[in-house]
Amino acid sequence: MARKPGAEVLRIDGREVAITNPAKVLFPAAKITKLDVARYFVAVADGALRGAGGRPNMLVRYPNGIDGEFFYQKRAPQTRPDWLEVVELKFPSGRSAEELVPRDAAALAWMANLGCLELHPHPVRAADLEHPDELRVDLDPVGAGARGRRGRTRCVGKRRPRRMAENLRQARAAHLCAHRATLELR
């Protein structure tokens, strides 16, 4: 791989991932850099891939850090390593997009290099795009008073509702997932 000036190269399971501008601060309050985020994604890869691995992921990019503007990128960048997997999703509008399918820690580190600070998987697996196997409830705060509305969602969880409610009050957003095996589909 061609090394970019100032880039830090992470070697992950036989793959090389260049982290450009590694000292860029993405979480100013905690002084967490882009390199820190990439290393964190590698450290938590097993758990992160249980939820997002093998699924098409929309990229949610924070190029100027968590306090800056973010944007959703449906299409995987054209310039990407050959070892990254993509699948083509078709939308009701008739349009389509190739989205990234992370399968290993190197893919997560590559996403971190793009400024992806959250994983945003679709409820389908790359191998079966026509049959969702999860129900995902996205609890994003909206506008003034959102904090209180998140707190009132505690009745959604059957186990440890107080702990769940407390976590939701502290989070910017939350995703609740129910896997097909735990749902009674009718």
Protein backbone atom coordinates (compact mmCIF):
# COMPACT_ATOMS: atom_id res chain seq x y z
CA MET A 1 0.00 0.00 0.00
CA ALA A 2 1.21 3.49 -0.79
CA ARG A 3 1.98 5.35 2.40
CA LYS A 4 0.62 8.87 2.61
CA PRO A 5 2.80 11.50 4.31
CA GLY A 6 1.93 11.77 7.99
CA ALA A 7 -0.23 8.64 7.95
CA GLU A 8 0.04 5.97 10.61
CA VAL A 9 -0.26 2.44 9.22
CA LEU A 10 -2.04 -0.13 11.36
CA ARG A 11 -1.32 -3.78 10.60
CA ILE A 12 -4.43 -5.77 11.41
CA ASP A 13 -4.64 -9.51 10.70
CA GLY A 14 -2.36 -9.28 7.68
CA ARG A 15 -3.96 -6.11 6.27
CA GLU A 16 -2.58 -2.59 6.31
CA VAL A 17 -4.89 0.34 7.06
CA ALA A 18 -3.52 3.87 6.68
CA ILE A 19 -4.89 6.32 9.22
CA THR A 20 -4.46 9.74 7.65
CA ASN A 21 -4.11 12.74 9.93
CA PRO A 22 -3.88 10.40 12.96
CA ALA A 23 -3.50 13.25 15.49
CA LYS A 24 -6.79 14.90 14.43
CA VAL A 25 -8.92 15.30 17.55
CA LEU A 26 -12.39 13.81 17.06
CA PHE A 27 -13.59 13.99 20.68
CA PRO A 28 -12.26 17.33 22.00
CA ALA A 29 -13.48 17.02 25.60
CA ALA A 30 -11.61 13.73 26.05
CA LYS A 31 -8.79 14.60 23.59
CA ILE A 32 -9.44 11.41 21.59
CA THR A 33 -7.79 11.36 18.16
CA LYS A 34 -8.65 9.61 14.92
CA LEU A 35 -5.87 7.08 15.64
CA ASP A 36 -7.37 6.45 19.10
CA VAL A 37 -10.80 5.77 17.52
CA ALA A 38 -9.27 3.38 14.95
CA ARG A 39 -7.44 1.47 17.69
CA TYR A 40 -10.62 1.39 19.79
CA PHE A 41 -12.62 -0.04 16.87
CA VAL A 42 -9.96 -2.75 16.50
CA ALA A 43 -10.09 -3.49 20.25
CA VAL A 44 -13.90 -3.86 20.29
CA ALA A 45 -14.16 -5.49 16.86
CA ASP A 46 -15.57 -8.81 18.09
CA GLY A 47 -18.54 -7.12 19.76
CA ALA A 48 -19.02 -4.48 17.07
CA LEU A 49 -19.04 -7.10 14.33
CA ARG A 50 -21.69 -9.13 16.17
CA GLY A 51 -24.06 -6.24 15.53
CA ALA A 52 -22.77 -4.71 12.30
CA GLY A 53 -20.61 -7.37 10.68
CA GLY A 54 -21.85 -9.09 7.58
CA ARG A 55 -24.46 -6.37 7.06
CA PRO A 56 -24.44 -3.43 4.66
CA ASN A 57 -23.57 -0.29 6.61
CA MET A 58 -24.40 3.29 5.80
CA LEU A 59 -21.39 5.44 6.65
CA VAL A 60 -22.13 8.12 9.25
CA ARG A 61 -19.17 10.46 8.95
CA TYR A 62 -17.99 13.14 11.37
CA PRO A 63 -15.09 14.69 9.42
CA ASN A 64 -14.63 17.48 11.98
CA GLY A 65 -15.21 15.39 15.08
CA ILE A 66 -18.19 14.65 17.29
CA ASP A 67 -19.01 18.32 17.84
CA GLY A 68 -18.96 19.16 14.13
CA GLU A 69 -21.45 18.56 11.34
CA PHE A 70 -21.94 14.95 10.27
CA PHE A 71 -23.39 13.38 7.15
CA TYR A 72 -24.77 10.06 5.97
CA GLN A 73 -23.00 8.44 3.04
CA LYS A 74 -24.93 5.58 1.45
CA ARG A 75 -22.39 4.78 -1.21
CA ALA A 76 -19.04 3.25 -0.33
CA PRO A 77 -16.18 5.39 -1.66
CA GLN A 78 -14.92 4.32 -5.09
CA THR A 79 -11.33 4.43 -3.84
CA ARG A 80 -11.16 1.69 -1.27
CA PRO A 81 -8.97 -1.35 -0.66
CA ASP A 82 -9.79 -4.40 -2.79
CA TRP A 83 -10.30 -6.49 0.32
CA LEU A 84 -13.31 -4.45 1.47
CA GLU A 85 -16.65 -6.04 0.62
CA VAL A 86 -19.61 -4.09 -0.75
CA VAL A 87 -23.12 -5.16 -1.77
CA GLU A 88 -25.61 -3.37 -3.97
CA LEU A 89 -28.80 -2.33 -2.20
CA LYS A 90 -31.85 -1.42 -4.25
CA PHE A 91 -34.25 1.17 -2.88
CA PRO A 92 -38.01 1.58 -3.52
CA SER A 93 -37.20 4.71 -5.54
CA GLY A 94 -35.46 2.52 -8.11
CA ARG A 95 -32.03 3.80 -7.15
CA SER A 96 -29.26 1.62 -5.83
CA ALA A 97 -26.07 2.02 -3.84
CA GLU A 98 -23.04 -0.11 -3.07
CA GLU A 99 -22.68 -0.14 0.70
CA LEU A 100 -19.78 -1.36 2.78
CA VAL A 101 -20.04 -4.73 4.55
CA PRO A 102 -17.53 -4.85 7.42
CA ARG A 103 -16.39 -8.37 8.24
CA ASP A 104 -13.22 -7.79 10.24
CA ALA A 105 -11.34 -5.37 12.45
CA ALA A 106 -9.43 -3.92 9.48
CA ALA A 107 -12.71 -2.84 7.85
CA LEU A 108 -13.74 -1.09 11.08
CA ALA A 109 -10.37 0.71 11.28
CA TRP A 110 -10.79 1.80 7.64
CA MET A 111 -14.24 3.19 8.53
CA ALA A 112 -12.72 5.04 11.51
CA ASN A 113 -10.24 6.66 9.13
CA LEU A 114 -13.21 8.14 7.24
CA GLY A 115 -14.44 9.71 10.46
CA CYS A 116 -17.17 7.13 11.07
CA LEU A 117 -17.86 7.37 14.79
CA GLU A 118 -20.91 5.10 14.81
CA LEU A 119 -21.92 1.96 13.00
CA HIS A 120 -25.19 2.11 11.08
CA PRO A 121 -26.01 -1.41 9.79
CA HIS A 122 -29.11 -2.36 7.83
CA PRO A 123 -31.39 -5.04 9.33
CA VAL A 124 -30.43 -7.48 6.55
CA ARG A 125 -27.41 -9.67 6.01
CA ALA A 126 -25.26 -9.20 2.92
CA ALA A 127 -26.03 -12.77 1.88
CA ASP A 128 -29.82 -12.21 1.97
CA LEU A 129 -30.75 -8.61 1.20
CA GLU A 130 -34.44 -9.38 0.67
CA HIS A 131 -35.20 -10.79 4.13
CA PRO A 132 -34.59 -8.61 7.21
CA ASP A 133 -33.66 -10.65 10.26
CA GLU A 134 -33.69 -7.83 12.81
CA LEU A 135 -36.02 -5.16 14.01
CA ARG A 136 -34.05 -2.02 14.81
CA VAL A 137 -35.63 0.81 16.77
CA ASP A 138 -33.67 4.03 16.43
CA LEU A 139 -34.13 6.35 19.42
CA ASP A 140 -32.50 9.56 18.25
CA PRO A 141 -33.20 12.74 20.22
CA VAL A 142 -34.95 15.47 18.27
CA GLY A 143 -35.11 19.12 19.31
CA ALA A 144 -35.74 20.65 22.71
CA GLY A 145 -36.94 18.29 25.41
CA ALA A 146 -35.53 15.21 23.72
CA ARG A 147 -33.69 14.20 26.87
CA GLY A 148 -36.97 13.71 28.73
CA ARG A 149 -38.50 11.73 25.88
CA ARG A 150 -35.54 9.33 25.90
CA GLY A 151 -36.01 8.82 29.62
CA ARG A 152 -39.64 7.80 29.09
CA THR A 153 -38.61 4.97 26.75
CA ARG A 154 -37.60 2.74 29.63
CA CYS A 155 -40.81 0.71 29.33
CA VAL A 156 -39.49 -0.72 26.03
CA GLY A 157 -36.94 -2.96 27.74
CA LYS A 158 -38.11 -5.88 29.86
CA ARG A 159 -34.78 -6.45 31.62
CA ARG A 160 -33.21 -3.81 33.82
CA PRO A 161 -35.44 -0.93 32.66
CA ARG A 162 -33.89 1.56 35.08
CA ARG A 163 -30.36 0.91 33.84
CA MET A 164 -31.53 1.12 30.24
CA ALA A 165 -33.32 4.39 30.92
CA GLU A 166 -30.24 5.86 32.59
CA ASN A 167 -28.06 4.87 29.63
CA LEU A 168 -30.55 6.46 27.24
CA ARG A 169 -30.58 9.70 29.25
CA GLN A 170 -26.79 9.95 28.94
CA ALA A 171 -26.53 8.93 25.28
CA ARG A 172 -26.96 11.08 22.20
CA ALA A 173 -28.94 8.25 20.60
CA ALA A 174 -29.65 4.56 21.08
CA HIS A 175 -30.50 1.59 18.92
CA LEU A 176 -32.53 -1.29 20.27
CA CYS A 177 -32.32 -4.54 18.32
CA ALA A 178 -34.51 -7.62 18.34
CA HIS A 179 -33.18 -10.53 16.36
CA ARG A 180 -35.51 -12.65 14.30
CA ALA A 181 -34.98 -15.64 16.59
CA THR A 182 -36.42 -13.65 19.51
CA LEU A 183 -39.37 -12.18 17.60
CA GLU A 184 -42.67 -13.88 17.00
CA LEU A 185 -43.25 -12.99 13.38
CA ARG A 186 -46.87 -13.02 12.19
